[in-house]
Amino acid sequence: MLSLIMSLALSATSPEPATATPAPAPQVKPKKPKKICRANGATGTRMKSSTCKTQEEWDAEASVGPNGETGEKTVRN
């Protein structure tokens, strides 16, 4: 008798059919720029050190002179 009641109760609560929801599209992450590391030649120390920057950062640093000049000539009157 108990098994009859339990089977009726379980059959009455049948699961609803699952609705098909589209899966979200995977987000594409932008690629990180490649870092270029260069050794620093510090005199008087055994500790090695290096500086890592992107190619754009190395190019920007190379275009700036030792006094902060950018290579553009300024005409003064």
N, C-alpha and C. Protein backbone atom coordinates (compact mmCIF):
# COMPACT_ATOMS: atom_id res chain seq x y z
N MET A 1 0.82 -1.19 0.00
CA MET A 1 0.00 0.00 0.00
C MET A 1 0.87 1.26 0.00
N LEU A 2 1.87 1.24 0.86
CA LEU A 2 2.77 2.40 0.95
C LEU A 2 3.52 2.59 -0.38
N SER A 3 3.93 1.50 -0.98
CA SER A 3 4.64 1.61 -2.25
C SER A 3 3.74 2.15 -3.35
N LEU A 4 2.46 1.85 -3.31
CA LEU A 4 1.52 2.37 -4.29
C LEU A 4 1.37 3.87 -4.14
N ILE A 5 1.29 4.35 -2.92
CA ILE A 5 1.16 5.79 -2.66
C ILE A 5 2.43 6.52 -3.09
N MET A 6 3.58 5.94 -2.80
CA MET A 6 4.85 6.58 -3.17
C MET A 6 5.01 6.63 -4.69
N SER A 7 4.64 5.57 -5.37
CA SER A 7 4.77 5.57 -6.83
C SER A 7 3.83 6.58 -7.47
N LEU A 8 2.63 6.74 -6.92
CA LEU A 8 1.69 7.74 -7.42
C LEU A 8 2.21 9.15 -7.16
N ALA A 9 2.79 9.37 -6.00
CA ALA A 9 3.32 10.68 -5.65
C ALA A 9 4.50 11.05 -6.56
N LEU A 10 5.36 10.10 -6.83
CA LEU A 10 6.52 10.38 -7.69
C LEU A 10 6.10 10.60 -9.13
N SER A 11 5.08 9.87 -9.60
CA SER A 11 4.66 10.04 -10.98
C SER A 11 3.92 11.36 -11.17
N ALA A 12 3.30 11.88 -10.12
CA ALA A 12 2.56 13.13 -10.21
C ALA A 12 3.52 14.31 -10.31
N THR A 13 4.71 14.20 -9.78
CA THR A 13 5.69 15.30 -9.82
C THR A 13 6.75 15.01 -10.87
N SER A 14 6.33 14.79 -12.08
CA SER A 14 7.27 14.51 -13.16
C SER A 14 8.01 15.80 -13.51
N PRO A 15 9.26 15.69 -13.87
CA PRO A 15 10.03 16.89 -14.19
C PRO A 15 9.54 17.52 -15.48
N GLU A 16 9.63 18.84 -15.54
CA GLU A 16 9.22 19.57 -16.73
C GLU A 16 10.30 19.42 -17.79
N PRO A 17 9.91 19.40 -19.05
CA PRO A 17 10.94 19.28 -20.10
C PRO A 17 11.84 20.52 -20.09
N ALA A 18 13.10 20.27 -20.25
CA ALA A 18 14.08 21.36 -20.23
C ALA A 18 13.97 22.18 -21.51
N THR A 19 13.98 23.49 -21.35
CA THR A 19 13.95 24.35 -22.52
C THR A 19 15.38 24.57 -22.99
N ALA A 20 15.57 24.56 -24.27
CA ALA A 20 16.90 24.73 -24.84
C ALA A 20 17.26 26.20 -24.84
N THR A 21 18.25 26.57 -24.05
CA THR A 21 18.74 27.94 -24.03
C THR A 21 20.08 27.95 -24.75
N PRO A 22 20.29 28.90 -25.61
CA PRO A 22 21.57 28.94 -26.33
C PRO A 22 22.70 29.25 -25.36
N ALA A 23 23.81 28.56 -25.57
CA ALA A 23 24.98 28.78 -24.72
C ALA A 23 25.61 30.13 -25.09
N PRO A 24 26.07 30.89 -24.10
CA PRO A 24 26.70 32.18 -24.42
C PRO A 24 27.98 31.95 -25.21
N ALA A 25 28.23 32.85 -26.13
CA ALA A 25 29.44 32.75 -26.96
C ALA A 25 30.67 33.01 -26.09
N PRO A 26 31.72 32.23 -26.27
CA PRO A 26 32.93 32.46 -25.48
C PRO A 26 33.56 33.79 -25.86
N GLN A 27 34.00 34.51 -24.85
CA GLN A 27 34.61 35.82 -25.09
C GLN A 27 36.07 35.61 -25.48
N VAL A 28 36.48 36.31 -26.51
CA VAL A 28 37.85 36.21 -26.98
C VAL A 28 38.67 37.29 -26.28
N LYS A 29 39.70 36.85 -25.58
CA LYS A 29 40.57 37.80 -24.89
C LYS A 29 41.63 38.31 -25.85
N PRO A 30 41.93 39.60 -25.79
CA PRO A 30 42.98 40.13 -26.67
C PRO A 30 44.34 39.57 -26.25
N LYS A 31 45.19 39.35 -27.22
CA LYS A 31 46.51 38.81 -26.93
C LYS A 31 47.36 39.87 -26.25
N LYS A 32 48.11 39.45 -25.27
CA LYS A 32 49.02 40.37 -24.59
C LYS A 32 50.25 40.57 -25.46
N PRO A 33 50.78 41.80 -25.49
CA PRO A 33 51.99 42.02 -26.29
C PRO A 33 53.18 41.28 -25.68
N LYS A 34 54.06 40.82 -26.54
CA LYS A 34 55.23 40.07 -26.10
C LYS A 34 56.21 41.00 -25.41
N LYS A 35 56.72 40.57 -24.26
CA LYS A 35 57.71 41.36 -23.52
C LYS A 35 59.11 40.96 -23.97
N ILE A 36 59.97 41.95 -24.07
CA ILE A 36 61.36 41.73 -24.43
C ILE A 36 62.21 42.16 -23.24
N CYS A 37 63.02 41.23 -22.73
CA CYS A 37 63.84 41.51 -21.55
C CYS A 37 65.29 41.76 -21.97
N ARG A 38 65.88 42.77 -21.36
CA ARG A 38 67.28 43.10 -21.63
C ARG A 38 68.02 43.18 -20.30
N ALA A 39 69.25 42.67 -20.30
CA ALA A 39 70.07 42.67 -19.09
C ALA A 39 70.62 44.06 -18.84
N ASN A 40 70.61 44.46 -17.58
CA ASN A 40 71.18 45.75 -17.19
C ASN A 40 72.62 45.50 -16.77
N GLY A 41 73.54 46.25 -17.32
CA GLY A 41 74.95 46.10 -16.99
C GLY A 41 75.35 47.03 -15.87
N ALA A 42 75.07 46.66 -14.64
CA ALA A 42 75.44 47.49 -13.50
C ALA A 42 76.87 47.16 -13.09
N THR A 43 77.72 48.16 -13.04
CA THR A 43 79.11 47.97 -12.65
C THR A 43 79.22 47.95 -11.14
N GLY A 44 80.02 47.03 -10.62
CA GLY A 44 80.29 46.99 -9.19
C GLY A 44 79.32 46.11 -8.41
N THR A 45 78.59 45.26 -9.08
CA THR A 45 77.68 44.37 -8.35
C THR A 45 77.65 43.01 -9.03
N ARG A 46 77.40 41.99 -8.23
CA ARG A 46 77.26 40.64 -8.78
C ARG A 46 75.80 40.30 -9.06
N MET A 47 74.93 41.14 -8.57
CA MET A 47 73.50 40.90 -8.75
C MET A 47 73.11 41.20 -10.20
N LYS A 48 72.47 40.24 -10.84
CA LYS A 48 72.01 40.46 -12.20
C LYS A 48 70.62 41.07 -12.15
N SER A 49 70.37 41.95 -13.06
CA SER A 49 69.03 42.53 -13.15
C SER A 49 68.68 42.71 -14.62
N SER A 50 67.40 42.73 -14.88
CA SER A 50 66.95 42.91 -16.26
C SER A 50 65.70 43.77 -16.26
N THR A 51 65.43 44.38 -17.40
CA THR A 51 64.26 45.21 -17.59
C THR A 51 63.44 44.61 -18.73
N CYS A 52 62.16 44.40 -18.49
CA CYS A 52 61.28 43.81 -19.49
C CYS A 52 60.23 44.83 -19.91
N LYS A 53 60.12 45.07 -21.21
CA LYS A 53 59.16 46.01 -21.77
C LYS A 53 58.66 45.46 -23.11
N THR A 54 57.58 46.04 -23.60
CA THR A 54 57.11 45.67 -24.93
C THR A 54 57.97 46.37 -25.97
N GLN A 55 57.86 45.94 -27.22
CA GLN A 55 58.65 46.56 -28.29
C GLN A 55 58.30 48.03 -28.44
N GLU A 56 57.03 48.37 -28.29
CA GLU A 56 56.62 49.78 -28.39
C GLU A 56 57.28 50.62 -27.29
N GLU A 57 57.37 50.08 -26.08
CA GLU A 57 58.00 50.81 -24.98
C GLU A 57 59.49 50.99 -25.23
N TRP A 58 60.16 49.94 -25.76
CA TRP A 58 61.58 50.07 -26.07
C TRP A 58 61.81 51.11 -27.15
N ASP A 59 60.93 51.13 -28.18
CA ASP A 59 61.06 52.11 -29.26
C ASP A 59 60.85 53.53 -28.75
N ALA A 60 59.87 53.71 -27.86
CA ALA A 60 59.60 55.04 -27.31
C ALA A 60 60.78 55.52 -26.47
N GLU A 61 61.39 54.62 -25.72
CA GLU A 61 62.54 54.99 -24.90
C GLU A 61 63.75 55.33 -25.77
N ALA A 62 63.92 54.62 -26.87
CA ALA A 62 65.05 54.88 -27.75
C ALA A 62 64.92 56.21 -28.47
N SER A 63 63.69 56.66 -28.70
CA SER A 63 63.50 57.93 -29.41
C SER A 63 63.71 59.13 -28.50
N VAL A 64 63.75 58.93 -27.19
CA VAL A 64 63.97 60.03 -26.24
C VAL A 64 65.46 60.09 -25.93
N GLY A 65 66.03 61.27 -26.05
CA GLY A 65 67.45 61.45 -25.80
C GLY A 65 67.77 61.44 -24.32
N PRO A 66 69.06 61.56 -23.97
CA PRO A 66 69.46 61.52 -22.57
C PRO A 66 68.96 62.71 -21.75
N ASN A 67 68.68 63.83 -22.41
CA ASN A 67 68.19 65.00 -21.70
C ASN A 67 66.67 65.15 -21.82
N GLY A 68 66.01 64.09 -22.27
CA GLY A 68 64.56 64.16 -22.41
C GLY A 68 64.12 64.72 -23.75
N GLU A 69 65.07 64.87 -24.66
CA GLU A 69 64.74 65.40 -25.99
C GLU A 69 64.12 64.31 -26.84
N THR A 70 63.14 64.68 -27.64
CA THR A 70 62.44 63.70 -28.44
C THR A 70 62.97 63.59 -29.86
N GLY A 71 63.98 64.31 -30.20
CA GLY A 71 64.52 64.26 -31.55
C GLY A 71 63.92 65.30 -32.46
N GLU A 72 62.88 65.98 -32.02
CA GLU A 72 62.29 67.05 -32.82
C GLU A 72 63.11 68.31 -32.59
N LYS A 73 63.42 68.99 -33.65
CA LYS A 73 64.21 70.22 -33.54
C LYS A 73 63.30 71.39 -33.26
N THR A 74 63.67 72.18 -32.29
CA THR A 74 62.89 73.36 -31.93
C THR A 74 63.59 74.59 -32.47
N VAL A 75 62.86 75.39 -33.20
CA VAL A 75 63.42 76.61 -33.77
C VAL A 75 63.06 77.76 -32.84
N ARG A 76 64.08 78.45 -32.35
CA ARG A 76 63.85 79.58 -31.46
C ARG A 76 64.26 80.85 -32.18
N ASN A 77 63.45 81.84 -32.06
CA ASN A 77 63.74 83.14 -32.70
C ASN A 77 64.33 84.12 -31.72
